[in-house]
Amino acid sequence: MKKSYKLENLGCANCARKMEEGISALANVNSAKVVFMTEKLVLDVVDGTMDSVLDEAQSIISRYEDDC
């Protein structure tokens, strides 16, 4: 399942790279792309696991950008 999400208040390209690396390493994630210029997260995950992956992804995102 592939979905795109808007990341509001993404302020750092280096943080975006670190977020992408962390989210890509999660279980059930086929691919993850954080695009700094468009402030988007594109996730491709195993069907039926999107909710749990989103929770973990938000935790990783908050680690680098508190208000994102």
PDB file of N, CA and C in Angstrom:
ATOM      1  N   MET A   1       0.847  -1.162   0.000  1.00  0.00           N
ATOM      2  CA  MET A   1       0.000   0.000   0.000  1.00  0.00           C
ATOM      3  C   MET A   1       0.897   1.229   0.000  1.00  0.00           C
ATOM      4  N   LYS A   2       0.630   2.155  -0.925  1.00  0.00           N
ATOM      5  CA  LYS A   2       1.441   3.358  -1.054  1.00  0.00           C
ATOM      6  C   LYS A   2       0.578   4.585  -0.793  1.00  0.00           C
ATOM      7  N   LYS A   3       1.096   5.484   0.077  1.00  0.00           N
ATOM      8  CA  LYS A   3       0.383   6.718   0.410  1.00  0.00           C
ATOM      9  C   LYS A   3       1.376   7.858   0.568  1.00  0.00           C
ATOM     10  N   SER A   4       0.864   9.070   0.382  1.00  0.00           N
ATOM     11  CA  SER A   4       1.663  10.281   0.519  1.00  0.00           C
ATOM     12  C   SER A   4       1.073  11.144   1.625  1.00  0.00           C
ATOM     13  N   TYR A   5       1.947  11.756   2.430  1.00  0.00           N
ATOM     14  CA  TYR A   5       1.522  12.589   3.554  1.00  0.00           C
ATOM     15  C   TYR A   5       2.273  13.913   3.535  1.00  0.00           C
ATOM     16  N   LYS A   6       1.595  14.985   3.890  1.00  0.00           N
ATOM     17  CA  LYS A   6       2.187  16.316   3.995  1.00  0.00           C
ATOM     18  C   LYS A   6       2.853  16.446   5.363  1.00  0.00           C
ATOM     19  N   LEU A   7       4.094  16.885   5.372  1.00  0.00           N
ATOM     20  CA  LEU A   7       4.833  17.109   6.616  1.00  0.00           C
ATOM     21  C   LEU A   7       4.893  18.614   6.863  1.00  0.00           C
ATOM     22  N   GLU A   8       4.073  19.104   7.741  1.00  0.00           N
ATOM     23  CA  GLU A   8       4.058  20.534   8.043  1.00  0.00           C
ATOM     24  C   GLU A   8       5.207  20.879   8.980  1.00  0.00           C
ATOM     25  N   ASN A   9       5.798  22.045   8.763  1.00  0.00           N
ATOM     26  CA  ASN A   9       6.888  22.574   9.588  1.00  0.00           C
ATOM     27  C   ASN A   9       8.182  21.766   9.478  1.00  0.00           C
ATOM     28  N   LEU A  10       8.419  21.149   8.337  1.00  0.00           N
ATOM     29  CA  LEU A  10       9.686  20.463   8.093  1.00  0.00           C
ATOM     30  C   LEU A  10      10.710  21.528   7.734  1.00  0.00           C
ATOM     31  N   GLY A  11      11.684  21.758   8.608  1.00  0.00           N
ATOM     32  CA  GLY A  11      12.563  22.902   8.435  1.00  0.00           C
ATOM     33  C   GLY A  11      14.012  22.601   8.120  1.00  0.00           C
ATOM     34  N   CYS A  12      14.373  21.341   7.982  1.00  0.00           N
ATOM     35  CA  CYS A  12      15.784  21.009   7.844  1.00  0.00           C
ATOM     36  C   CYS A  12      15.964  19.842   6.873  1.00  0.00           C
ATOM     37  N   ALA A  13      16.768  20.053   5.838  1.00  0.00           N
ATOM     38  CA  ALA A  13      16.995  19.001   4.840  1.00  0.00           C
ATOM     39  C   ALA A  13      17.757  17.817   5.449  1.00  0.00           C
ATOM     40  N   ASN A  14      18.692  18.095   6.341  1.00  0.00           N
ATOM     41  CA  ASN A  14      19.441  17.025   6.983  1.00  0.00           C
ATOM     42  C   ASN A  14      18.525  16.174   7.865  1.00  0.00           C
ATOM     43  N   CYS A  15      17.611  16.821   8.569  1.00  0.00           N
ATOM     44  CA  CYS A  15      16.646  16.091   9.392  1.00  0.00           C
ATOM     45  C   CYS A  15      15.745  15.229   8.516  1.00  0.00           C
ATOM     46  N   ALA A  16      15.350  15.753   7.359  1.00  0.00           N
ATOM     47  CA  ALA A  16      14.511  14.999   6.427  1.00  0.00           C
ATOM     48  C   ALA A  16      15.228  13.725   5.990  1.00  0.00           C
ATOM     49  N   ARG A  17      16.530  13.830   5.738  1.00  0.00           N
ATOM     50  CA  ARG A  17      17.312  12.654   5.342  1.00  0.00           C
ATOM     51  C   ARG A  17      17.352  11.622   6.467  1.00  0.00           C
ATOM     52  N   LYS A  18      17.557  12.097   7.687  1.00  0.00           N
ATOM     53  CA  LYS A  18      17.609  11.190   8.830  1.00  0.00           C
ATOM     54  C   LYS A  18      16.249  10.523   9.061  1.00  0.00           C
ATOM     55  N   MET A  19      15.168  11.299   8.881  1.00  0.00           N
ATOM     56  CA  MET A  19      13.821  10.728   9.002  1.00  0.00           C
ATOM     57  C   MET A  19      13.623   9.618   7.978  1.00  0.00           C
ATOM     58  N   GLU A  20      14.011   9.897   6.743  1.00  0.00           N
ATOM     59  CA  GLU A  20      13.860   8.909   5.674  1.00  0.00           C
ATOM     60  C   GLU A  20      14.622   7.627   5.992  1.00  0.00           C
ATOM     61  N   GLU A  21      15.839   7.770   6.463  1.00  0.00           N
ATOM     62  CA  GLU A  21      16.640   6.590   6.815  1.00  0.00           C
ATOM     63  C   GLU A  21      15.987   5.793   7.931  1.00  0.00           C
ATOM     64  N   GLY A  22      15.513   6.477   8.968  1.00  0.00           N
ATOM     65  CA  GLY A  22      14.891   5.793  10.095  1.00  0.00           C
ATOM     66  C   GLY A  22      13.593   5.098   9.713  1.00  0.00           C
ATOM     67  N   ILE A  23      12.763   5.769   8.950  1.00  0.00           N
ATOM     68  CA  ILE A  23      11.477   5.195   8.542  1.00  0.00           C
ATOM     69  C   ILE A  23      11.705   4.030   7.578  1.00  0.00           C
ATOM     70  N   SER A  24      12.677   4.158   6.689  1.00  0.00           N
ATOM     71  CA  SER A  24      12.978   3.084   5.736  1.00  0.00           C
ATOM     72  C   SER A  24      13.410   1.799   6.439  1.00  0.00           C
ATOM     73  N   ALA A  25      14.018   1.936   7.616  1.00  0.00           N
ATOM     74  CA  ALA A  25      14.511   0.773   8.355  1.00  0.00           C
ATOM     75  C   ALA A  25      13.426   0.065   9.165  1.00  0.00           C
ATOM     76  N   LEU A  26      12.232   0.644   9.252  1.00  0.00           N
ATOM     77  CA  LEU A  26      11.159   0.033  10.034  1.00  0.00           C
ATOM     78  C   LEU A  26      10.663  -1.265   9.398  1.00  0.00           C
ATOM     79  N   ALA A  27      10.188  -2.160  10.248  1.00  0.00           N
ATOM     80  CA  ALA A  27       9.576  -3.394   9.754  1.00  0.00           C
ATOM     81  C   ALA A  27       8.321  -3.046   8.963  1.00  0.00           C
ATOM     82  N   ASN A  28       8.030  -3.803   7.957  1.00  0.00           N
ATOM     83  CA  ASN A  28       6.853  -3.667   7.094  1.00  0.00           C
ATOM     84  C   ASN A  28       6.906  -2.470   6.147  1.00  0.00           C
ATOM     85  N   VAL A  29       8.036  -1.765   6.084  1.00  0.00           N
ATOM     86  CA  VAL A  29       8.181  -0.644   5.148  1.00  0.00           C
ATOM     87  C   VAL A  29       8.939  -1.143   3.915  1.00  0.00           C
ATOM     88  N   ASN A  30       8.267  -1.080   2.760  1.00  0.00           N
ATOM     89  CA  ASN A  30       8.927  -1.438   1.504  1.00  0.00           C
ATOM     90  C   ASN A  30       9.826  -0.304   1.042  1.00  0.00           C
ATOM     91  N   SER A  31       9.331   0.932   1.162  1.00  0.00           N
ATOM     92  CA  SER A  31      10.139   2.102   0.828  1.00  0.00           C
ATOM     93  C   SER A  31       9.556   3.330   1.509  1.00  0.00           C
ATOM     94  N   ALA A  32      10.422   4.288   1.752  1.00  0.00           N
ATOM     95  CA  ALA A  32      10.007   5.559   2.343  1.00  0.00           C
ATOM     96  C   ALA A  32      10.849   6.662   1.710  1.00  0.00           C
ATOM     97  N   LYS A  33      10.203   7.760   1.385  1.00  0.00           N
ATOM     98  CA  LYS A  33      10.887   8.899   0.779  1.00  0.00           C
ATOM     99  C   LYS A  33      10.390  10.166   1.444  1.00  0.00           C
ATOM    100  N   VAL A  34      11.302  10.953   2.009  1.00  0.00           N
ATOM    101  CA  VAL A  34      10.967  12.255   2.573  1.00  0.00           C
ATOM    102  C   VAL A  34      11.549  13.293   1.631  1.00  0.00           C
ATOM    103  N   VAL A  35      10.678  14.093   1.031  1.00  0.00           N
ATOM    104  CA  VAL A  35      11.096  15.111   0.077  1.00  0.00           C
ATOM    105  C   VAL A  35      11.037  16.469   0.777  1.00  0.00           C
ATOM    106  N   PHE A  36      12.202  17.034   1.059  1.00  0.00           N
ATOM    107  CA  PHE A  36      12.274  18.288   1.804  1.00  0.00           C
ATOM    108  C   PHE A  36      11.611  19.438   1.055  1.00  0.00           C
ATOM    109  N   MET A  37      11.857  19.550  -0.230  1.00  0.00           N
ATOM    110  CA  MET A  37      11.343  20.683  -1.007  1.00  0.00           C
ATOM    111  C   MET A  37       9.818  20.738  -1.046  1.00  0.00           C
ATOM    112  N   THR A  38       9.161  19.598  -1.086  1.00  0.00           N
ATOM    113  CA  THR A  38       7.697  19.571  -1.143  1.00  0.00           C
ATOM    114  C   THR A  38       7.075  19.236   0.207  1.00  0.00           C
ATOM    115  N   GLU A  39       7.907  18.980   1.205  1.00  0.00           N
ATOM    116  CA  GLU A  39       7.461  18.604   2.550  1.00  0.00           C
ATOM    117  C   GLU A  39       6.505  17.416   2.516  1.00  0.00           C
ATOM    118  N   LYS A  40       6.921  16.359   1.819  1.00  0.00           N
ATOM    119  CA  LYS A  40       6.075  15.166   1.719  1.00  0.00           C
ATOM    120  C   LYS A  40       6.811  13.918   2.168  1.00  0.00           C
ATOM    121  N   LEU A  41       6.027  13.012   2.719  1.00  0.00           N
ATOM    122  CA  LEU A  41       6.481  11.670   3.051  1.00  0.00           C
ATOM    123  C   LEU A  41       5.704  10.715   2.168  1.00  0.00           C
ATOM    124  N   VAL A  42       6.411   9.915   1.381  1.00  0.00           N
ATOM    125  CA  VAL A  42       5.775   8.907   0.542  1.00  0.00           C
ATOM    126  C   VAL A  42       6.152   7.557   1.120  1.00  0.00           C
ATOM    127  N   LEU A  43       5.135   6.825   1.559  1.00  0.00           N
ATOM    128  CA  LEU A  43       5.338   5.522   2.194  1.00  0.00           C
ATOM    129  C   LEU A  43       4.756   4.405   1.347  1.00  0.00           C
ATOM    130  N   ASP A  44       5.503   3.325   1.235  1.00  0.00           N
ATOM    131  CA  ASP A  44       5.004   2.090   0.633  1.00  0.00           C
ATOM    132  C   ASP A  44       5.218   1.010   1.685  1.00  0.00           C
ATOM    133  N   VAL A  45       4.109   0.482   2.206  1.00  0.00           N
ATOM    134  CA  VAL A  45       4.191  -0.499   3.294  1.00  0.00           C
ATOM    135  C   VAL A  45       3.412  -1.761   2.941  1.00  0.00           C
ATOM    136  N   VAL A  46       3.668  -2.799   3.709  1.00  0.00           N
ATOM    137  CA  VAL A  46       2.950  -4.056   3.565  1.00  0.00           C
ATOM    138  C   VAL A  46       1.476  -3.802   3.888  1.00  0.00           C
ATOM    139  N   ASP A  47       0.588  -4.346   3.065  1.00  0.00           N
ATOM    140  CA  ASP A  47      -0.857  -4.156   3.266  1.00  0.00           C
ATOM    141  C   ASP A  47      -1.277  -4.508   4.688  1.00  0.00           C
ATOM    142  N   GLY A  48      -2.114  -3.651   5.261  1.00  0.00           N
ATOM    143  CA  GLY A  48      -2.651  -3.893   6.590  1.00  0.00           C
ATOM    144  C   GLY A  48      -1.779  -3.411   7.736  1.00  0.00           C
ATOM    145  N   THR A  49      -0.651  -2.780   7.424  1.00  0.00           N
ATOM    146  CA  THR A  49       0.256  -2.344   8.489  1.00  0.00           C
ATOM    147  C   THR A  49       0.433  -0.827   8.549  1.00  0.00           C
ATOM    148  N   MET A  50      -0.325  -0.096   7.749  1.00  0.00           N
ATOM    149  CA  MET A  50      -0.123   1.355   7.648  1.00  0.00           C
ATOM    150  C   MET A  50      -0.269   2.060   8.999  1.00  0.00           C
ATOM    151  N   ASP A  51      -1.281   1.718   9.781  1.00  0.00           N
ATOM    152  CA  ASP A  51      -1.501   2.402  11.062  1.00  0.00           C
ATOM    153  C   ASP A  51      -0.314   2.247  12.003  1.00  0.00           C
ATOM    154  N   SER A  52       0.188   1.044  12.138  1.00  0.00           N
ATOM    155  CA  SER A  52       1.315   0.828  13.049  1.00  0.00           C
ATOM    156  C   SER A  52       2.586   1.490  12.521  1.00  0.00           C
ATOM    157  N   VAL A  53       2.795   1.453  11.216  1.00  0.00           N
ATOM    158  CA  VAL A  53       3.967   2.104  10.626  1.00  0.00           C
ATOM    159  C   VAL A  53       3.877   3.621  10.815  1.00  0.00           C
ATOM    160  N   LEU A  54       2.694   4.190  10.649  1.00  0.00           N
ATOM    161  CA  LEU A  54       2.530   5.636  10.836  1.00  0.00           C
ATOM    162  C   LEU A  54       2.854   6.064  12.259  1.00  0.00           C
ATOM    163  N   ASP A  55       2.450   5.265  13.238  1.00  0.00           N
ATOM    164  CA  ASP A  55       2.761   5.576  14.634  1.00  0.00           C
ATOM    165  C   ASP A  55       4.271   5.602  14.856  1.00  0.00           C
ATOM    166  N   GLU A  56       4.954   4.600  14.331  1.00  0.00           N
ATOM    167  CA  GLU A  56       6.403   4.530  14.478  1.00  0.00           C
ATOM    168  C   GLU A  56       7.088   5.645  13.689  1.00  0.00           C
ATOM    169  N   ALA A  57       6.568   5.946  12.500  1.00  0.00           N
ATOM    170  CA  ALA A  57       7.137   7.015  11.675  1.00  0.00           C
ATOM    171  C   ALA A  57       6.998   8.361  12.377  1.00  0.00           C
ATOM    172  N   GLN A  58       5.843   8.602  12.985  1.00  0.00           N
ATOM    173  CA  GLN A  58       5.644   9.876  13.696  1.00  0.00           C
ATOM    174  C   GLN A  58       6.630  10.006  14.849  1.00  0.00           C
ATOM    175  N   SER A  59       6.922   8.917  15.510  1.00  0.00           N
ATOM    176  CA  SER A  59       7.896   8.935  16.596  1.00  0.00           C
ATOM    177  C   SER A  59       9.284   9.322  16.068  1.00  0.00           C
ATOM    178  N   ILE A  60       9.656   8.770  14.934  1.00  0.00           N
ATOM    179  CA  ILE A  60      10.953   9.090  14.327  1.00  0.00           C
ATOM    180  C   ILE A  60      10.980  10.550  13.881  1.00  0.00           C
ATOM    181  N   ILE A  61       9.918  10.998  13.243  1.00  0.00           N
ATOM    182  CA  ILE A  61       9.830  12.388  12.771  1.00  0.00           C
ATOM    183  C   ILE A  61       9.961  13.347  13.943  1.00  0.00           C
ATOM    184  N   SER A  62       9.251  13.081  15.030  1.00  0.00           N
ATOM    185  CA  SER A  62       9.287  13.954  16.208  1.00  0.00           C
ATOM    186  C   SER A  62      10.666  13.985  16.869  1.00  0.00           C
ATOM    187  N   ARG A  63      11.429  12.942  16.707  1.00  0.00           N
ATOM    188  CA  ARG A  63      12.773  12.888  17.265  1.00  0.00           C
ATOM    189  C   ARG A  63      13.674  13.969  16.645  1.00  0.00           C
ATOM    190  N   TYR A  64      13.439  14.272  15.365  1.00  0.00           N
ATOM    191  CA  TYR A  64      14.269  15.238  14.654  1.00  0.00           C
ATOM    192  C   TYR A  64      13.631  16.622  14.528  1.00  0.00           C
ATOM    193  N   GLU A  65      12.321  16.675  14.451  1.00  0.00           N
ATOM    194  CA  GLU A  65      11.591  17.939  14.320  1.00  0.00           C
ATOM    195  C   GLU A  65      10.393  17.876  15.266  1.00  0.00           C
ATOM    196  N   ASP A  66      10.505  18.530  16.414  1.00  0.00           N
ATOM    197  CA  ASP A  66       9.473  18.466  17.454  1.00  0.00           C
ATOM    198  C   ASP A  66       8.074  18.822  16.953  1.00  0.00           C
ATOM    199  N   ASP A  67       7.993  19.861  16.131  1.00  0.00           N
ATOM    200  CA  ASP A  67       6.680  20.373  15.735  1.00  0.00           C
ATOM    201  C   ASP A  67       6.252  19.951  14.331  1.00  0.00           C
ATOM    202  N   CYS A  68       6.864  18.930  13.798  1.00  0.00           N
ATOM    203  CA  CYS A  68       6.524  18.456  12.462  1.00  0.00           C
ATOM    204  C   CYS A  68       5.452  17.379  12.563  1.00  0.00           C
TER     205      CYS A  68
END
